Amino acid sequence: MTGRSPILACEGIERRFGGLVAVTGVDMHISHGEIFGLVGPNGSGKTTLTNAITGFYPPNKGRVLLDGTDITGMPPHRIAAQGVARTFQNLALFNGLTVLDNILLGRHVHMRPSVFRTALYWWLSKPEEIAHREAAEEIIEFLQLQGIRNELVDGIPMGLKKRVELARALVSEPRLLILDEPMAGMNQEEKEYMARFILDARDERGVSVLLIEHHMDVIVGVCDRMLALNYGEMIGMGVPKDVVADPRVVEAYIGGTHDAE
């Protein structure tokens, strides 16, 4: 990894909403193959920073670089096409569709629809459709979802829904995977499964990960480095066991919570 640009670099990120400064002065980089944790109390700016990275709310100041390429201000669909996939704090699955169909939607960044390809379906579109299906089946096996692949997502437990959302992100073959509280609402066993899958995604599929989480045991257990935010400002960055022991981080979590993300 010597001499390579970070997979993600945030330089002096600031995002305002009117007179409210949601994030300011954030400098962060994630190396290739790294699992990087992002933590902070509710309202600390985690989601705002994530939205700035992914183009939902571009920063008012600063730059976002993906593998050395400036993606600041790009619309979300173009950033996704650059190899950035994201899961959301609140589930964004399509009820009424099966697990398989939800996962297949993650292949949209690789699809090339056109009237010409439709007219030549058996020669052009059909082989592409088979390839997308094979990619989805590979991810289903990777995340051990074979038993529910044809179930409607409406009726499966929360822990499995989170896994389906992870599958939909992974099937897009991202370089950078952003996971926004993937373990919210899970019991201990489900959290352990999810942690293992995140580690496997990095180790077996070469995906770099930005993990936003409230569970400090997860952050310490799986992350190589981490950043802690409070009121939109950086209060600690480095090895997880050192950051979580920082008095400013302890005070941010124990001293009170904020009202909005």
Protein backbone atom coordinates (compact mmCIF):
# COMPACT_ATOMS: atom_id res chain seq x y z
CA MET A 1 0.00 0.00 0.00
CA THR A 2 3.05 2.28 0.13
CA GLY A 3 2.70 5.25 -2.22
CA ARG A 4 -0.96 4.60 -3.00
CA SER A 5 -3.61 7.28 -2.48
CA PRO A 6 -6.15 6.57 0.25
CA ILE A 7 -9.34 5.01 -1.03
CA LEU A 8 -11.17 7.96 0.61
CA ALA A 9 -9.85 11.32 1.76
CA CYS A 10 -11.92 14.11 3.30
CA GLU A 11 -10.13 17.45 3.48
CA GLY A 12 -11.51 20.28 5.62
CA ILE A 13 -15.14 19.21 5.23
CA GLU A 14 -17.72 21.73 6.37
CA ARG A 15 -21.48 21.51 5.91
CA ARG A 16 -23.94 24.18 7.01
CA PHE A 17 -27.72 24.26 7.01
CA GLY A 18 -28.58 27.94 7.19
CA GLY A 19 -26.94 29.20 10.37
CA LEU A 20 -26.40 25.70 11.75
CA VAL A 21 -22.90 24.30 11.36
CA ALA A 22 -23.48 20.54 11.18
CA VAL A 23 -19.89 19.50 10.38
CA THR A 24 -16.73 21.59 10.38
CA GLY A 25 -13.02 21.04 9.90
CA VAL A 26 -13.18 17.28 9.33
CA ASP A 27 -10.02 15.71 7.91
CA MET A 28 -10.17 11.95 7.45
CA HIS A 29 -8.59 9.35 5.24
CA ILE A 30 -9.30 5.66 4.81
CA SER A 31 -6.60 3.37 3.42
CA HIS A 32 -7.20 0.58 0.91
CA GLY A 33 -8.38 -2.54 2.73
CA GLU A 34 -9.10 -0.69 5.96
CA ILE A 35 -12.20 -0.87 8.16
CA PHE A 36 -12.61 2.64 9.53
CA GLY A 37 -15.07 3.46 12.30
CA LEU A 38 -17.09 6.67 12.64
CA VAL A 39 -18.74 7.30 16.00
CA GLY A 40 -20.42 10.04 17.97
CA PRO A 41 -23.58 10.77 19.95
CA ASN A 42 -26.85 11.48 18.16
CA GLY A 43 -26.52 14.83 16.40
CA SER A 44 -22.73 14.72 16.24
CA GLY A 45 -22.65 14.95 12.44
CA LYS A 46 -22.04 11.35 11.39
CA THR A 47 -24.88 11.19 8.88
CA THR A 48 -24.16 14.71 7.62
CA LEU A 49 -20.55 13.72 6.92
CA THR A 50 -21.72 10.54 5.19
CA ASN A 51 -24.16 12.54 3.05
CA ALA A 52 -21.35 14.93 2.11
CA ILE A 53 -19.19 12.00 0.99
CA THR A 54 -21.95 10.34 -1.03
CA GLY A 55 -23.28 13.49 -2.69
CA PHE A 56 -26.65 13.82 -0.95
CA TYR A 57 -25.57 17.10 0.69
CA PRO A 58 -22.29 18.29 -0.86
CA PRO A 59 -19.93 20.11 1.53
CA ASN A 60 -19.93 23.90 1.60
CA LYS A 61 -16.17 23.79 2.10
CA GLY A 62 -13.50 21.15 1.62
CA ARG A 63 -12.94 18.26 -0.79
CA VAL A 64 -13.81 14.58 -1.01
CA LEU A 65 -11.33 12.41 -2.92
CA LEU A 66 -11.94 8.82 -4.00
CA ASP A 67 -8.69 7.09 -4.91
CA GLY A 68 -7.21 10.51 -5.67
CA THR A 69 -10.13 11.64 -7.86
CA ASP A 70 -12.12 14.66 -6.67
CA ILE A 71 -15.76 13.62 -6.32
CA THR A 72 -16.88 16.69 -4.36
CA GLY A 73 -20.36 17.72 -5.44
CA MET A 74 -20.95 14.77 -7.76
CA PRO A 75 -24.57 13.54 -7.68
CA PRO A 76 -25.11 10.31 -5.73
CA HIS A 77 -25.67 8.12 -8.80
CA ARG A 78 -22.32 9.14 -10.28
CA ILE A 79 -20.55 8.51 -6.98
CA ALA A 80 -22.18 5.07 -6.85
CA ALA A 81 -20.88 4.40 -10.36
CA GLN A 82 -17.38 5.28 -9.11
CA GLY A 83 -17.55 2.28 -6.75
CA VAL A 84 -19.14 3.61 -3.56
CA ALA A 85 -22.01 1.63 -2.03
CA ARG A 86 -24.01 2.55 1.05
CA THR A 87 -26.52 1.10 3.46
CA PHE A 88 -28.83 3.37 5.42
CA GLN A 89 -29.58 3.90 9.10
CA ASN A 90 -33.25 3.24 8.36
CA LEU A 91 -33.91 0.19 6.19
CA ALA A 92 -34.40 1.06 2.52
CA LEU A 93 -35.61 -2.31 1.27
CA PHE A 94 -38.54 -2.72 -1.11
CA ASN A 95 -41.40 -4.44 0.66
CA GLY A 96 -43.40 -6.68 -1.64
CA LEU A 97 -40.26 -7.89 -3.40
CA THR A 98 -38.32 -11.02 -2.58
CA VAL A 99 -34.88 -11.13 -1.00
CA LEU A 100 -33.40 -12.05 -4.39
CA ASP A 101 -35.16 -9.19 -6.19
CA ASN A 102 -33.98 -6.67 -3.60
CA ILE A 103 -30.41 -7.88 -3.98
CA LEU A 104 -30.61 -7.78 -7.80
CA LEU A 105 -31.48 -4.07 -7.56
CA GLY A 106 -27.92 -3.52 -6.39
CA ARG A 107 -26.70 -4.46 -9.87
CA HIS A 108 -28.28 -1.38 -11.46
CA VAL A 109 -24.92 0.43 -11.61
CA HIS A 110 -23.67 -2.29 -13.98
CA MET A 111 -26.76 -2.44 -16.21
CA ARG A 112 -26.74 -0.85 -19.68
CA PRO A 113 -30.37 -0.69 -20.82
CA SER A 114 -31.18 0.55 -24.32
CA VAL A 115 -33.72 0.01 -27.09
CA PHE A 116 -30.98 -1.57 -29.20
CA ARG A 117 -30.08 -4.09 -26.47
CA THR A 118 -33.77 -4.89 -25.95
CA ALA A 119 -34.22 -5.56 -29.67
CA LEU A 120 -31.27 -7.95 -29.53
CA TYR A 121 -32.33 -9.48 -26.20
CA TRP A 122 -31.17 -13.04 -26.84
CA TRP A 123 -27.75 -11.94 -28.06
CA LEU A 124 -26.95 -8.98 -25.76
CA SER A 125 -29.36 -8.57 -22.84
CA LYS A 126 -29.95 -12.23 -21.97
CA PRO A 127 -26.23 -13.03 -21.28
CA GLU A 128 -26.01 -9.83 -19.22
CA GLU A 129 -29.12 -10.82 -17.25
CA ILE A 130 -27.60 -14.23 -16.50
CA ALA A 131 -24.35 -12.61 -15.33
CA HIS A 132 -26.23 -10.28 -12.96
CA ARG A 133 -28.20 -13.22 -11.59
CA GLU A 134 -24.99 -15.21 -11.00
CA ALA A 135 -23.46 -12.23 -9.14
CA ALA A 136 -26.54 -12.03 -6.90
CA GLU A 137 -26.48 -15.76 -6.19
CA GLU A 138 -22.79 -15.54 -5.25
CA ILE A 139 -23.55 -12.82 -2.68
CA ILE A 140 -26.53 -14.79 -1.35
CA GLU A 141 -24.21 -17.71 -0.68
CA PHE A 142 -21.51 -15.42 0.76
CA LEU A 143 -23.95 -13.98 3.31
CA GLN A 144 -25.73 -17.29 3.95
CA LEU A 145 -29.13 -16.15 2.70
CA GLN A 146 -29.94 -19.23 0.61
CA GLY A 147 -32.82 -20.30 2.86
CA ILE A 148 -34.77 -17.05 2.42
CA ARG A 149 -33.78 -16.05 -1.12
CA ASN A 150 -37.40 -16.35 -2.36
CA GLU A 151 -39.07 -14.92 0.76
CA LEU A 152 -40.69 -11.48 0.73
CA VAL A 153 -38.55 -9.09 2.76
CA ASP A 154 -41.67 -7.91 4.62
CA GLY A 155 -41.80 -11.10 6.64
CA ILE A 156 -38.17 -11.74 7.62
CA PRO A 157 -36.59 -10.67 10.96
CA MET A 158 -34.73 -7.37 11.37
CA GLY A 159 -31.31 -9.06 11.56
CA LEU A 160 -31.87 -10.73 8.19
CA LYS A 161 -33.22 -7.54 6.65
CA LYS A 162 -29.97 -5.81 7.59
CA ARG A 163 -28.06 -8.67 5.96
CA VAL A 164 -30.14 -8.33 2.78
CA GLU A 165 -29.31 -4.63 2.66
CA LEU A 166 -25.62 -5.49 3.05
CA ALA A 167 -26.00 -8.01 0.21
CA ARG A 168 -27.57 -5.39 -2.05
CA ALA A 169 -24.61 -3.08 -1.40
CA LEU A 170 -21.99 -5.80 -1.93
CA VAL A 171 -23.50 -7.07 -5.17
CA SER A 172 -22.66 -3.72 -6.77
CA GLU A 173 -18.99 -4.70 -6.37
CA PRO A 174 -17.96 -1.54 -4.50
CA ARG A 175 -14.45 -0.34 -3.79
CA LEU A 176 -15.72 1.54 -0.74
CA LEU A 177 -18.63 0.30 1.38
CA ILE A 178 -20.33 2.74 3.75
CA LEU A 179 -22.40 1.05 6.45
CA ASP A 180 -24.68 3.37 8.45
CA GLU A 181 -25.47 1.62 11.76
CA PRO A 182 -25.81 -1.86 10.26
CA MET A 183 -26.31 -3.43 13.69
CA ALA A 184 -29.08 -1.19 15.00
CA GLY A 185 -31.87 -3.29 16.51
CA MET A 186 -29.86 -6.52 16.53
CA ASN A 187 -29.32 -8.95 19.39
CA GLN A 188 -25.82 -10.08 20.37
CA GLU A 189 -25.80 -13.14 18.11
CA GLU A 190 -26.94 -11.12 15.09
CA LYS A 191 -24.28 -8.50 15.79
CA GLU A 192 -21.58 -11.18 15.86
CA TYR A 193 -22.76 -12.55 12.51
CA MET A 194 -22.76 -9.08 10.95
CA ALA A 195 -19.29 -8.29 12.31
CA ARG A 196 -17.97 -11.51 10.80
CA PHE A 197 -19.52 -10.69 7.40
CA ILE A 198 -17.99 -7.20 7.44
CA LEU A 199 -14.55 -8.66 8.15
CA ASP A 200 -15.05 -11.27 5.42
CA ALA A 201 -16.08 -8.57 2.93
CA ARG A 202 -12.79 -6.83 3.57
CA ASP A 203 -10.61 -9.95 3.68
CA GLU A 204 -12.20 -11.99 0.88
CA ARG A 205 -13.62 -9.34 -1.44
CA GLY A 206 -11.07 -6.56 -0.95
CA VAL A 207 -13.65 -3.96 0.09
CA SER A 208 -12.64 -0.93 2.16
CA VAL A 209 -15.27 -0.08 4.78
CA LEU A 210 -16.51 3.06 6.54
CA LEU A 211 -18.53 1.79 9.51
CA ILE A 212 -20.84 4.17 11.39
CA GLU A 213 -21.91 2.57 14.65
CA HIS A 214 -23.09 3.26 18.21
CA HIS A 215 -21.90 -0.10 19.51
CA MET A 216 -18.39 0.63 20.77
CA ASP A 217 -17.65 -3.08 21.28
CA VAL A 218 -18.17 -3.58 17.53
CA ILE A 219 -15.98 -0.61 16.61
CA VAL A 220 -13.15 -1.79 18.87
CA GLY A 221 -13.54 -5.37 17.66
CA VAL A 222 -13.49 -4.88 13.88
CA CYS A 223 -12.07 -1.44 13.05
CA ASP A 224 -8.44 -0.66 12.30
CA ARG A 225 -8.86 3.04 13.07
CA MET A 226 -11.72 5.34 14.00
CA LEU A 227 -12.88 8.95 14.16
CA ALA A 228 -15.08 10.37 16.91
CA LEU A 229 -17.26 13.43 16.29
CA ASN A 230 -19.13 15.69 18.67
CA TYR A 231 -21.19 18.72 17.64
CA GLY A 232 -19.76 18.33 14.15
CA GLU A 233 -16.13 18.55 15.24
CA MET A 234 -13.38 15.95 15.49
CA ILE A 235 -12.65 14.96 19.09
CA GLY A 236 -10.52 11.87 18.55
CA MET A 237 -8.96 9.80 15.80
CA GLY A 238 -6.66 6.79 15.82
CA VAL A 239 -6.60 3.22 17.11
CA PRO A 240 -10.04 2.40 18.59
CA LYS A 241 -8.85 1.34 22.07
CA ASP A 242 -7.06 4.68 22.45
CA VAL A 243 -9.90 6.82 21.06
CA VAL A 244 -12.60 5.28 23.25
CA ALA A 245 -10.43 5.99 26.30
CA ASP A 246 -9.99 9.66 25.36
CA PRO A 247 -11.63 11.86 28.05
CA ARG A 248 -13.34 13.98 25.37
CA VAL A 249 -14.95 10.89 23.83
CA VAL A 250 -16.00 9.56 27.22
CA GLU A 251 -17.55 12.93 28.09
CA ALA A 252 -19.39 13.09 24.76
CA TYR A 253 -21.07 9.76 25.42
CA ILE A 254 -21.60 9.98 29.17
CA GLY A 255 -22.16 13.72 29.49
CA GLY A 256 -25.36 13.74 27.46
CA THR A 257 -26.92 13.15 24.06
CA HIS A 258 -27.99 15.47 21.27
CA ASP A 259 -31.30 15.87 19.61
CA ALA A 260 -30.76 15.33 15.91
CA GLU A 261 -28.33 13.61 13.56
